[in-house]
Amino acid sequence: MFEIKPHNPEDYRRQTRRITLVIAATFVGLALLLSATLVQLFGTAGGDNFRWNLIGVLLGLGLTIALVRFKLWSLPWMAPAVYGWQLKRNLMRITNLMHHVETGVAAGDPAAMKLLRFYHLGVTQMHQLDGNTSEISQMVREIDAHREAMQVQGLDLEQNRLDPAWLAAVKQAGR
């Protein structure tokens, strides 16, 4: 179950920039090392070694992805990037069902109402973390109208946890 947690946007951006630089440097280092090694082992002096350089870069990319996913992902200093990825992934899960969510909200379905509220809170945080406040301003009217509709139904406005049962209920109701 994913939960929206408070983050300072400036700290988040600073940390994710640092993480991006570390991963990019790792990729460049591995790609250069592997390309040079492959050219040294299999290349021809003064010949066209593009193929070996390309293979080295692709191997470097594959190793970087594997290293990030299987070794670095669980380390504490990677937490901001992992959180951002999980937030965007869970918002995409809702986006993929948005037509069902909107139908459920129009019908007053509590699961759809809670799911849309979580989506609004998550999108708001995502835009704040990314420093994209102009996108939030375009959604304010929709967010406010939905919050008022939830208050009329007596639903809790603090929907910071994505309950997988909401997704299943909305998907099932949409069939």
Protein backbone atom coordinates (compact mmCIF):
# COMPACT_ATOMS: atom_id res chain seq x y z
CA MET A 1 0.00 0.00 0.00
CA PHE A 2 1.54 3.29 -1.12
CA GLU A 3 1.33 6.30 1.17
CA ILE A 4 1.87 9.96 0.30
CA LYS A 5 4.49 11.33 2.69
CA PRO A 6 5.46 14.96 3.20
CA HIS A 7 8.67 16.07 1.48
CA ASN A 8 10.37 19.43 1.23
CA PRO A 9 10.40 20.16 -2.53
CA GLU A 10 13.77 21.94 -2.50
CA ASP A 11 15.43 19.11 -0.57
CA TYR A 12 13.76 16.53 -2.82
CA ARG A 13 15.02 18.21 -6.01
CA ARG A 14 18.53 18.66 -4.56
CA GLN A 15 18.69 14.99 -3.51
CA THR A 16 17.30 13.64 -6.79
CA ARG A 17 19.74 15.78 -8.80
CA ARG A 18 22.60 14.30 -6.77
CA ILE A 19 21.23 10.77 -7.30
CA THR A 20 20.91 11.44 -11.04
CA LEU A 21 24.53 12.62 -11.20
CA VAL A 22 25.76 9.52 -9.35
CA ILE A 23 23.84 7.21 -11.68
CA ALA A 24 24.93 9.12 -14.80
CA ALA A 25 28.57 9.03 -13.67
CA THR A 26 28.25 5.29 -13.02
CA PHE A 27 26.84 4.75 -16.50
CA VAL A 28 29.55 6.85 -18.18
CA GLY A 29 32.30 5.10 -16.22
CA LEU A 30 30.99 1.61 -17.00
CA ALA A 31 30.36 2.45 -20.66
CA LEU A 32 33.86 3.86 -21.13
CA LEU A 33 35.51 1.00 -19.27
CA LEU A 34 33.59 -1.70 -21.14
CA SER A 35 34.02 -0.02 -24.54
CA ALA A 36 37.76 0.39 -24.03
CA THR A 37 38.09 -3.19 -22.82
CA LEU A 38 36.14 -4.62 -25.77
CA VAL A 39 38.13 -2.54 -28.27
CA GLN A 40 41.36 -3.66 -26.59
CA LEU A 41 40.35 -7.33 -26.64
CA PHE A 42 38.51 -7.62 -29.96
CA GLY A 43 39.15 -4.41 -31.93
CA THR A 44 41.57 -3.75 -34.71
CA ALA A 45 44.28 -1.12 -34.44
CA GLY A 46 43.43 1.81 -36.70
CA GLY A 47 40.24 0.04 -37.79
CA ASP A 48 36.56 0.71 -37.34
CA ASN A 49 35.72 -0.25 -33.75
CA PHE A 50 32.29 1.35 -33.66
CA ARG A 51 30.62 -2.02 -33.07
CA TRP A 52 32.76 -2.74 -29.99
CA ASN A 53 32.19 0.76 -28.62
CA LEU A 54 28.43 0.42 -29.12
CA ILE A 55 28.39 -2.99 -27.44
CA GLY A 56 30.38 -1.52 -24.52
CA VAL A 57 27.91 1.34 -24.13
CA LEU A 58 24.93 -1.03 -24.25
CA LEU A 59 26.57 -3.35 -21.72
CA GLY A 60 27.29 -0.32 -19.52
CA LEU A 61 23.65 0.71 -19.74
CA GLY A 62 22.47 -2.80 -18.84
CA LEU A 63 24.88 -3.05 -15.92
CA THR A 64 23.89 0.40 -14.67
CA ILE A 65 20.19 -0.52 -14.75
CA ALA A 66 20.88 -3.81 -12.95
CA LEU A 67 23.10 -2.09 -10.38
CA VAL A 68 20.47 0.57 -9.63
CA ARG A 69 17.58 -1.86 -9.48
CA PHE A 70 19.19 -4.70 -7.54
CA LYS A 71 21.85 -3.00 -5.39
CA LEU A 72 21.23 0.72 -5.00
CA TRP A 73 17.40 0.80 -4.95
CA SER A 74 17.13 -0.20 -1.28
CA LEU A 75 19.88 2.11 0.02
CA PRO A 76 18.74 5.05 2.19
CA TRP A 77 20.33 7.73 -0.02
CA MET A 78 18.19 6.53 -2.96
CA ALA A 79 14.90 6.96 -1.00
CA PRO A 80 13.86 10.28 -2.62
CA ALA A 81 14.21 8.90 -6.15
CA VAL A 82 12.46 5.66 -5.21
CA TYR A 83 9.62 7.60 -3.59
CA GLY A 84 9.21 9.80 -6.66
CA TRP A 85 9.17 6.77 -8.95
CA GLN A 86 6.60 4.99 -6.76
CA LEU A 87 4.41 8.11 -6.57
CA LYS A 88 4.37 8.51 -10.34
CA ARG A 89 3.82 4.78 -10.88
CA ASN A 90 0.80 4.72 -8.55
CA LEU A 91 -0.65 7.85 -10.12
CA MET A 92 -0.31 6.16 -13.51
CA ARG A 93 -2.25 3.15 -12.20
CA ILE A 94 -5.12 5.52 -11.43
CA THR A 95 -4.75 7.41 -14.70
CA ASN A 96 -5.15 4.12 -16.57
CA LEU A 97 -8.54 3.69 -14.87
CA MET A 98 -9.56 7.34 -14.95
CA HIS A 99 -12.59 6.79 -17.19
CA HIS A 100 -13.92 4.28 -14.64
CA VAL A 101 -12.99 6.62 -11.76
CA GLU A 102 -14.88 9.52 -13.34
CA THR A 103 -17.93 7.33 -13.95
CA GLY A 104 -17.85 6.15 -10.32
CA VAL A 105 -17.44 9.70 -9.01
CA ALA A 106 -20.42 10.84 -11.10
CA ALA A 107 -22.44 7.98 -9.54
CA GLY A 108 -21.27 8.92 -6.01
CA ASP A 109 -19.31 5.68 -5.46
CA PRO A 110 -17.24 6.13 -2.25
CA ALA A 111 -14.29 4.05 -3.55
CA ALA A 112 -14.08 6.17 -6.71
CA MET A 113 -14.43 9.35 -4.66
CA LYS A 114 -11.55 8.32 -2.37
CA LEU A 115 -9.44 7.19 -5.32
CA LEU A 116 -9.87 10.53 -7.08
CA ARG A 117 -9.02 12.38 -3.86
CA PHE A 118 -5.82 10.32 -3.49
CA TYR A 119 -5.05 11.09 -7.14
CA HIS A 120 -5.53 14.83 -6.58
CA LEU A 121 -3.31 14.80 -3.48
CA GLY A 122 -0.66 12.74 -5.28
CA VAL A 123 -0.64 14.88 -8.43
CA THR A 124 -0.43 18.02 -6.30
CA GLN A 125 2.57 16.64 -4.45
CA MET A 126 4.21 15.41 -7.66
CA HIS A 127 3.96 18.86 -9.23
CA GLN A 128 5.25 20.52 -6.06
CA LEU A 129 8.21 18.13 -5.87
CA ASP A 130 8.99 18.67 -9.56
CA GLY A 131 8.63 22.45 -9.18
CA ASN A 132 5.77 22.56 -11.69
CA THR A 133 3.24 24.73 -9.86
CA SER A 134 1.58 26.04 -13.03
CA GLU A 135 0.03 22.60 -13.61
CA ILE A 136 -1.48 22.60 -10.12
CA SER A 137 -3.17 25.96 -10.70
CA GLN A 138 -5.01 24.49 -13.69
CA MET A 139 -6.52 21.75 -11.49
CA VAL A 140 -7.57 23.87 -8.49
CA ARG A 141 -11.22 24.23 -9.53
CA GLU A 142 -11.60 20.48 -10.15
CA ILE A 143 -9.85 19.61 -6.87
CA ASP A 144 -12.01 22.05 -4.87
CA ALA A 145 -15.25 20.80 -6.44
CA HIS A 146 -14.32 17.19 -5.67
CA ARG A 147 -13.36 18.05 -2.08
CA GLU A 148 -16.77 19.71 -1.58
CA ALA A 149 -18.55 16.66 -3.04
CA MET A 150 -16.67 14.43 -0.60
CA GLN A 151 -17.63 16.67 2.32
CA VAL A 152 -21.29 16.47 1.30
CA GLN A 153 -21.05 12.66 1.41
CA GLY A 154 -19.23 12.78 4.74
CA LEU A 155 -16.08 11.12 3.36
CA ASP A 156 -12.68 11.68 4.95
CA LEU A 157 -10.60 14.16 2.92
CA GLU A 158 -7.28 12.76 4.13
CA GLN A 159 -6.79 10.01 1.55
CA ASN A 160 -2.99 9.71 1.74
CA ARG A 161 -2.91 5.92 1.34
CA LEU A 162 -3.74 4.17 -1.90
CA ASP A 163 -5.93 1.22 -1.00
CA PRO A 164 -5.66 -1.47 -3.71
CA ALA A 165 -9.28 -2.40 -2.92
CA TRP A 166 -10.36 0.98 -4.34
CA LEU A 167 -8.67 0.19 -7.64
CA ALA A 168 -10.29 -3.25 -7.76
CA ALA A 169 -13.74 -1.88 -6.85
CA VAL A 170 -13.58 0.88 -9.45
CA LYS A 171 -12.31 -1.51 -12.10
CA GLN A 172 -15.05 -4.03 -11.25
CA ALA A 173 -17.80 -1.39 -11.26
CA GLY A 174 -16.62 -0.20 -14.66
CA ARG A 175 -17.15 -3.59 -16.30
